[in-house]
Amino acid sequence: MLSLLTILKQDERAQGLVEYALLIAVIALVVVLAMMLIGPSIGNAFSEVGSAMD
C-alpha cells in the first residue's frame, strides 16, 4: 500500500512538470509568432534610421 502511494505521489510531480512544459511551449509559440509579425516593421524602422544617418 505504501509503494502505491509513493507511485501516485511521483505521478503528480510528473503531471506538474508536463503542465509547466506545455505552458513554456505555448509561451514560446506566442513569442515566435509575435516576432514574425513585428519583425519586418522593426527591420524597416532600423533601415529608415540608417538611411537618415547617411
N, C-alpha and C. Protein backbone atom coordinates (compact mmCIF):
# COMPACT_ATOMS: atom_id res chain seq x y z
N MET A 1 0.83 -1.20 0.00
CA MET A 1 0.00 0.00 0.00
C MET A 1 0.86 1.25 0.00
N LEU A 2 1.94 1.25 0.75
CA LEU A 2 2.82 2.40 0.82
C LEU A 2 3.49 2.66 -0.53
N SER A 3 3.88 1.57 -1.21
CA SER A 3 4.52 1.74 -2.52
C SER A 3 3.54 2.33 -3.54
N LEU A 4 2.25 1.99 -3.44
CA LEU A 4 1.24 2.54 -4.34
C LEU A 4 1.10 4.05 -4.10
N LEU A 5 1.10 4.47 -2.85
CA LEU A 5 1.02 5.89 -2.53
C LEU A 5 2.26 6.63 -3.04
N THR A 6 3.40 6.00 -2.95
CA THR A 6 4.63 6.61 -3.44
C THR A 6 4.57 6.80 -4.96
N ILE A 7 4.07 5.81 -5.66
CA ILE A 7 3.95 5.90 -7.12
C ILE A 7 2.98 7.01 -7.50
N LEU A 8 1.85 7.10 -6.82
CA LEU A 8 0.88 8.14 -7.12
C LEU A 8 1.44 9.53 -6.86
N LYS A 9 2.22 9.66 -5.80
CA LYS A 9 2.83 10.95 -5.50
C LYS A 9 3.83 11.34 -6.58
N GLN A 10 4.60 10.40 -7.09
CA GLN A 10 5.54 10.68 -8.16
C GLN A 10 4.80 11.06 -9.43
N ASP A 11 3.67 10.45 -9.70
CA ASP A 11 2.90 10.78 -10.90
C ASP A 11 2.40 12.22 -10.85
N GLU A 12 2.05 12.70 -9.67
CA GLU A 12 1.59 14.07 -9.55
C GLU A 12 2.71 15.05 -9.87
N ARG A 13 3.90 14.73 -9.47
CA ARG A 13 5.03 15.60 -9.78
C ARG A 13 5.29 15.61 -11.28
N ALA A 14 5.17 14.46 -11.91
CA ALA A 14 5.37 14.38 -13.35
C ALA A 14 4.28 15.17 -14.07
N GLN A 15 3.08 15.13 -13.55
CA GLN A 15 1.99 15.89 -14.16
C GLN A 15 2.28 17.38 -14.09
N GLY A 16 2.78 17.86 -12.98
CA GLY A 16 3.14 19.26 -12.85
C GLY A 16 4.24 19.64 -13.83
N LEU A 17 5.20 18.75 -14.01
CA LEU A 17 6.29 19.00 -14.95
C LEU A 17 5.75 19.10 -16.37
N VAL A 18 4.84 18.24 -16.72
CA VAL A 18 4.25 18.28 -18.06
C VAL A 18 3.45 19.57 -18.24
N GLU A 19 2.73 19.99 -17.23
CA GLU A 19 1.97 21.23 -17.33
C GLU A 19 2.89 22.43 -17.53
N TYR A 20 3.99 22.48 -16.81
CA TYR A 20 4.95 23.57 -16.99
C TYR A 20 5.58 23.52 -18.38
N ALA A 21 5.88 22.34 -18.86
CA ALA A 21 6.46 22.20 -20.20
C ALA A 21 5.49 22.69 -21.26
N LEU A 22 4.21 22.35 -21.13
CA LEU A 22 3.21 22.81 -22.08
C LEU A 22 3.06 24.33 -22.02
N LEU A 23 3.09 24.88 -20.83
CA LEU A 23 2.99 26.33 -20.66
C LEU A 23 4.17 27.04 -21.33
N ILE A 24 5.36 26.52 -21.15
CA ILE A 24 6.54 27.10 -21.76
C ILE A 24 6.47 26.99 -23.28
N ALA A 25 5.97 25.87 -23.79
CA ALA A 25 5.83 25.69 -25.24
C ALA A 25 4.83 26.69 -25.82
N VAL A 26 3.73 26.92 -25.13
CA VAL A 26 2.73 27.88 -25.62
C VAL A 26 3.31 29.30 -25.61
N ILE A 27 4.01 29.65 -24.55
CA ILE A 27 4.62 30.98 -24.47
C ILE A 27 5.66 31.16 -25.58
N ALA A 28 6.47 30.14 -25.82
CA ALA A 28 7.46 30.21 -26.89
C ALA A 28 6.79 30.38 -28.24
N LEU A 29 5.70 29.69 -28.47
CA LEU A 29 4.97 29.80 -29.73
C LEU A 29 4.42 31.21 -29.92
N VAL A 30 3.88 31.78 -28.86
CA VAL A 30 3.35 33.15 -28.94
C VAL A 30 4.48 34.13 -29.23
N VAL A 31 5.62 33.96 -28.61
CA VAL A 31 6.75 34.86 -28.85
C VAL A 31 7.23 34.75 -30.30
N VAL A 32 7.33 33.54 -30.81
CA VAL A 32 7.78 33.35 -32.20
C VAL A 32 6.79 33.99 -33.17
N LEU A 33 5.51 33.78 -32.95
CA LEU A 33 4.51 34.37 -33.83
C LEU A 33 4.54 35.90 -33.77
N ALA A 34 4.72 36.44 -32.57
CA ALA A 34 4.80 37.89 -32.43
C ALA A 34 6.02 38.44 -33.17
N MET A 35 7.14 37.75 -33.08
CA MET A 35 8.34 38.21 -33.77
C MET A 35 8.17 38.13 -35.28
N MET A 36 7.46 37.12 -35.76
CA MET A 36 7.22 37.01 -37.19
C MET A 36 6.34 38.16 -37.68
N LEU A 37 5.41 38.59 -36.87
CA LEU A 37 4.52 39.68 -37.25
C LEU A 37 5.17 41.05 -37.10
N ILE A 38 5.94 41.24 -36.05
CA ILE A 38 6.52 42.55 -35.74
C ILE A 38 7.89 42.72 -36.40
N GLY A 39 8.57 41.64 -36.69
CA GLY A 39 9.93 41.70 -37.21
C GLY A 39 10.14 42.58 -38.42
N PRO A 40 9.33 42.42 -39.47
CA PRO A 40 9.55 43.27 -40.66
C PRO A 40 9.40 44.76 -40.37
N SER A 41 8.46 45.15 -39.55
CA SER A 41 8.29 46.58 -39.27
C SER A 41 9.47 47.11 -38.46
N ILE A 42 10.01 46.32 -37.58
CA ILE A 42 11.19 46.76 -36.82
C ILE A 42 12.39 46.88 -37.76
N GLY A 43 12.53 45.93 -38.68
CA GLY A 43 13.62 46.00 -39.65
C GLY A 43 13.51 47.23 -40.53
N ASN A 44 12.29 47.57 -40.94
CA ASN A 44 12.09 48.78 -41.75
C ASN A 44 12.44 50.03 -40.96
N ALA A 45 12.09 50.06 -39.70
CA ALA A 45 12.40 51.22 -38.86
C ALA A 45 13.90 51.41 -38.75
N PHE A 46 14.65 50.32 -38.54
CA PHE A 46 16.10 50.43 -38.46
C PHE A 46 16.69 50.85 -39.79
N SER A 47 16.13 50.36 -40.89
CA SER A 47 16.63 50.75 -42.20
C SER A 47 16.42 52.24 -42.45
N GLU A 48 15.26 52.75 -42.04
CA GLU A 48 14.99 54.18 -42.22
C GLU A 48 15.94 55.04 -41.38
N VAL A 49 16.19 54.60 -40.15
CA VAL A 49 17.12 55.35 -39.30
C VAL A 49 18.52 55.30 -39.89
N GLY A 50 18.91 54.15 -40.40
CA GLY A 50 20.23 54.03 -41.01
C GLY A 50 20.36 54.89 -42.26
N SER A 51 19.30 54.96 -43.07
CA SER A 51 19.32 55.78 -44.27
C SER A 51 19.37 57.26 -43.91
N ALA A 52 18.68 57.65 -42.86
CA ALA A 52 18.67 59.06 -42.44
C ALA A 52 20.03 59.49 -41.92
N MET A 53 20.81 58.58 -41.40
CA MET A 53 22.12 58.92 -40.85
C MET A 53 23.16 59.10 -41.93
N ASP A 54 22.92 58.55 -43.11
CA ASP A 54 23.92 58.68 -44.19
C ASP A 54 23.95 60.00 -44.79
